[in-house]
Protein backbone atom coordinates (compact mmCIF):
# COMPACT_ATOMS: atom_id res chain seq x y z
CA MET A 1 -21.66 -45.43 55.17
CA LYS A 2 -22.72 -43.97 58.47
CA ILE A 3 -24.28 -40.59 58.97
CA THR A 4 -21.12 -39.26 60.63
CA GLY A 5 -19.09 -39.95 57.49
CA VAL A 6 -21.61 -38.10 55.32
CA THR A 7 -21.72 -35.20 57.78
CA VAL A 8 -17.93 -34.92 57.92
CA TYR A 9 -17.74 -35.05 54.11
CA LEU A 10 -20.34 -32.28 53.74
CA LEU A 11 -18.66 -30.09 56.37
CA LEU A 12 -15.25 -30.53 54.73
CA LEU A 13 -16.80 -29.65 51.39
CA LEU A 14 -18.34 -26.57 53.02
CA VAL A 15 -14.95 -25.49 54.37
CA GLY A 16 -13.31 -26.10 51.00
CA LEU A 17 -15.98 -24.19 49.11
CA THR A 18 -15.70 -21.31 51.59
CA VAL A 19 -11.94 -21.15 51.08
CA ILE A 20 -12.41 -21.19 47.30
CA ALA A 21 -15.04 -18.44 47.54
CA LEU A 22 -12.77 -16.27 49.68
CA LEU A 23 -9.78 -16.77 47.40
CA GLU A 24 -11.89 -16.01 44.34
CA ALA A 25 -13.30 -12.85 45.97
CA GLN A 26 -9.83 -11.58 46.91
CA HIS A 27 -7.69 -12.67 43.99
CA GLN A 28 -9.99 -13.63 41.08
CA TRP A 29 -7.80 -16.69 40.60
CA LEU A 30 -10.40 -18.89 38.91
CA ALA A 31 -11.33 -16.46 36.16
CA THR A 32 -9.74 -13.29 34.87
CA SER A 33 -12.59 -11.68 32.92
CA PRO A 34 -15.52 -10.12 34.82
CA GLU A 35 -18.01 -12.22 32.83
CA LEU A 36 -16.31 -15.47 33.81
CA GLN A 37 -15.80 -14.30 37.40
CA LEU A 38 -19.54 -13.88 37.90
CA GLY A 39 -20.19 -17.28 36.29
CA VAL A 40 -17.67 -18.93 38.63
CA ARG A 41 -19.20 -17.14 41.60
CA CYS A 42 -22.64 -18.36 40.55
CA ALA A 43 -21.31 -21.94 40.47
CA ILE A 44 -19.93 -21.41 43.99
CA ALA A 45 -23.25 -19.92 45.16
CA GLY A 46 -25.07 -22.93 43.70
CA GLY A 47 -22.68 -25.17 45.64
CA PHE A 48 -23.53 -23.36 48.85
CA GLY A 49 -27.22 -23.85 48.08
CA GLY A 50 -26.70 -27.56 47.50
CA LEU A 51 -24.63 -27.96 50.66
CA THR A 52 -27.32 -26.16 52.65
CA TYR A 53 -29.93 -28.55 51.28
CA CYS A 54 -27.77 -31.61 51.99
CA LEU A 55 -26.89 -30.55 55.55
CA ARG A 56 -30.56 -29.84 56.22
CA GLY A 57 -31.39 -33.30 54.85
CA VAL A 58 -28.91 -34.92 57.24
CA TYR A 59 -30.37 -33.40 60.36
CA LEU A 60 -33.97 -33.83 59.23
CA ASN A 61 -33.54 -37.50 58.31
CA ALA A 62 -31.26 -38.40 61.22
CA SER A 63 -32.73 -36.38 64.06
CA VAL A 64 -36.22 -35.16 63.25
CA ARG A 65 -37.70 -38.01 61.20
CA LYS A 66 -35.32 -40.72 62.41
CA SER A 67 -35.37 -42.22 58.92
CA TRP A 68 -31.71 -42.25 57.84
CA ASP A 69 -31.33 -44.56 54.84
CA PRO A 70 -27.82 -45.48 53.63
CA ALA A 71 -29.21 -45.88 50.10
CA TRP A 72 -29.18 -42.07 49.88
CA VAL A 73 -25.43 -41.76 50.60
CA PRO A 74 -24.48 -41.37 46.89
CA TRP A 75 -27.00 -38.53 46.65
CA TYR A 76 -25.28 -36.68 49.51
CA PHE A 77 -21.92 -37.05 47.77
CA ILE A 78 -23.07 -36.01 44.30
CA ARG A 79 -25.73 -33.36 45.01
CA PRO A 80 -23.35 -30.48 45.92
CA PHE A 81 -21.58 -30.88 42.57
CA VAL A 82 -24.86 -30.99 40.66
CA SER A 83 -25.85 -27.83 42.51
CA MET A 84 -22.64 -26.12 41.40
CA ILE A 85 -23.37 -27.05 37.79
CA VAL A 86 -26.94 -25.78 38.07
CA GLY A 87 -25.68 -22.55 39.69
CA ALA A 88 -23.41 -21.98 36.69
CA VAL A 89 -26.23 -22.85 34.28
CA SER A 90 -28.53 -20.34 35.99
CA TYR A 91 -25.92 -17.66 35.22
CA VAL A 92 -25.90 -18.65 31.55
CA PHE A 93 -29.69 -18.49 31.33
CA LEU A 94 -29.78 -15.11 33.08
CA LYS A 95 -27.12 -13.68 30.77
CA ALA A 96 -28.98 -15.05 27.76
CA GLY A 97 -32.14 -13.29 28.94
CA LEU A 98 -34.11 -16.52 29.28
CA PHE A 99 -34.59 -15.89 33.01
CA VAL A 100 -35.46 -12.41 34.21
CA LEU A 101 -34.57 -11.06 37.65
CA GLN A 102 -36.61 -7.86 37.47
CA SER A 103 -39.42 -6.43 35.40
CA GLU A 104 -37.33 -3.57 33.99
CA HIS A 105 -34.18 -4.39 32.05
CA GLN A 106 -31.10 -2.96 33.75
CA PRO A 107 -27.92 -3.02 31.67
CA ASN A 108 -25.82 -3.37 34.82
CA ALA A 109 -27.92 -5.97 36.64
CA SER A 110 -26.73 -6.57 40.15
CA ALA A 111 -24.33 -9.45 40.70
CA ILE A 112 -26.20 -10.06 43.97
CA GLY A 113 -29.31 -11.01 42.00
CA PHE A 114 -27.30 -13.48 39.93
CA LEU A 115 -25.78 -15.00 43.07
CA ALA A 116 -29.15 -15.19 44.82
CA LEU A 117 -30.72 -17.06 41.90
CA ALA A 118 -27.69 -19.36 41.69
CA PHE A 119 -28.01 -20.18 45.42
CA ILE A 120 -31.74 -20.92 44.98
CA ALA A 121 -30.95 -23.01 41.89
CA GLY A 122 -28.42 -25.05 43.89
CA LEU A 123 -30.85 -25.36 46.78
CA ASN A 124 -33.67 -26.61 44.58
CA VAL A 125 -32.12 -28.40 41.61
CA ASP A 126 -35.20 -30.44 40.70
CA ARG A 127 -37.52 -27.47 40.33
CA LEU A 128 -34.99 -25.46 38.33
CA ILE A 129 -34.47 -28.36 35.94
CA THR A 130 -38.24 -28.68 35.55
CA LYS A 131 -38.44 -24.93 34.88
CA LEU A 132 -35.65 -25.19 32.28
CA GLU A 133 -37.43 -28.08 30.58
CA ASP A 134 -40.72 -26.14 30.57
CA LEU A 135 -38.88 -23.21 29.01
CA ALA A 136 -37.26 -25.47 26.41
CA GLN A 137 -40.60 -27.04 25.55
CA ALA A 138 -42.38 -23.68 25.22
CA SER A 139 -39.57 -22.01 23.28
CA TRP A 140 -38.21 -24.80 21.12
CA GLY A 141 -40.67 -27.69 21.39
CA ILE A 142 -38.19 -29.91 23.27
CA ARG A 143 -40.03 -32.46 25.38
CA PRO A 144 -39.12 -32.92 29.07
CA SER A 145 -36.70 -35.72 29.88
CA ARG A 146 -38.00 -39.14 30.83
CA THR A 147 -36.62 -38.59 34.32
CA THR A 148 -38.74 -35.48 34.78
CA GLU A 149 -41.83 -37.14 33.33
CA ALA A 150 -41.38 -40.12 35.66
CA SER A 151 -40.93 -37.94 38.74
CA GLU A 152 -44.05 -35.93 37.90
CA LYS A 153 -46.13 -39.13 37.78
CA HIS A 154 -45.10 -39.86 41.39
CA ASP A 155 -46.04 -36.39 42.69
């Protein structure tokens, strides 16, 4: 697939995610409880982070580096959805207290902080997954996945 097809796909996904975000903000149509609403909004924020990363990758690889490789096309199609999942997961870990946004515990932690972390999680999926695996290993003795171990050997 050509770069224009990937770009159009990502831009359409951006428009669709924006429409979903606006509808959710105005009508809370995806979730009725406040807890679920923030989780859904974190998934959306993660999607925006992933789309930002993908769109940046398009212009860097096509224009700046001139190294567009069609082998990466599946990554451009899947990455925004993985980012949405990771955005939602970041919400779960924050609510569980396994990630901390501030040094003092605030019972009514700001939704903006949750959304900011979800965006960053969607923007940088690999590092968040590595952080989650480090947390799992330290807390419960669960070893990192083979995928993570293999990627660390290439760093």
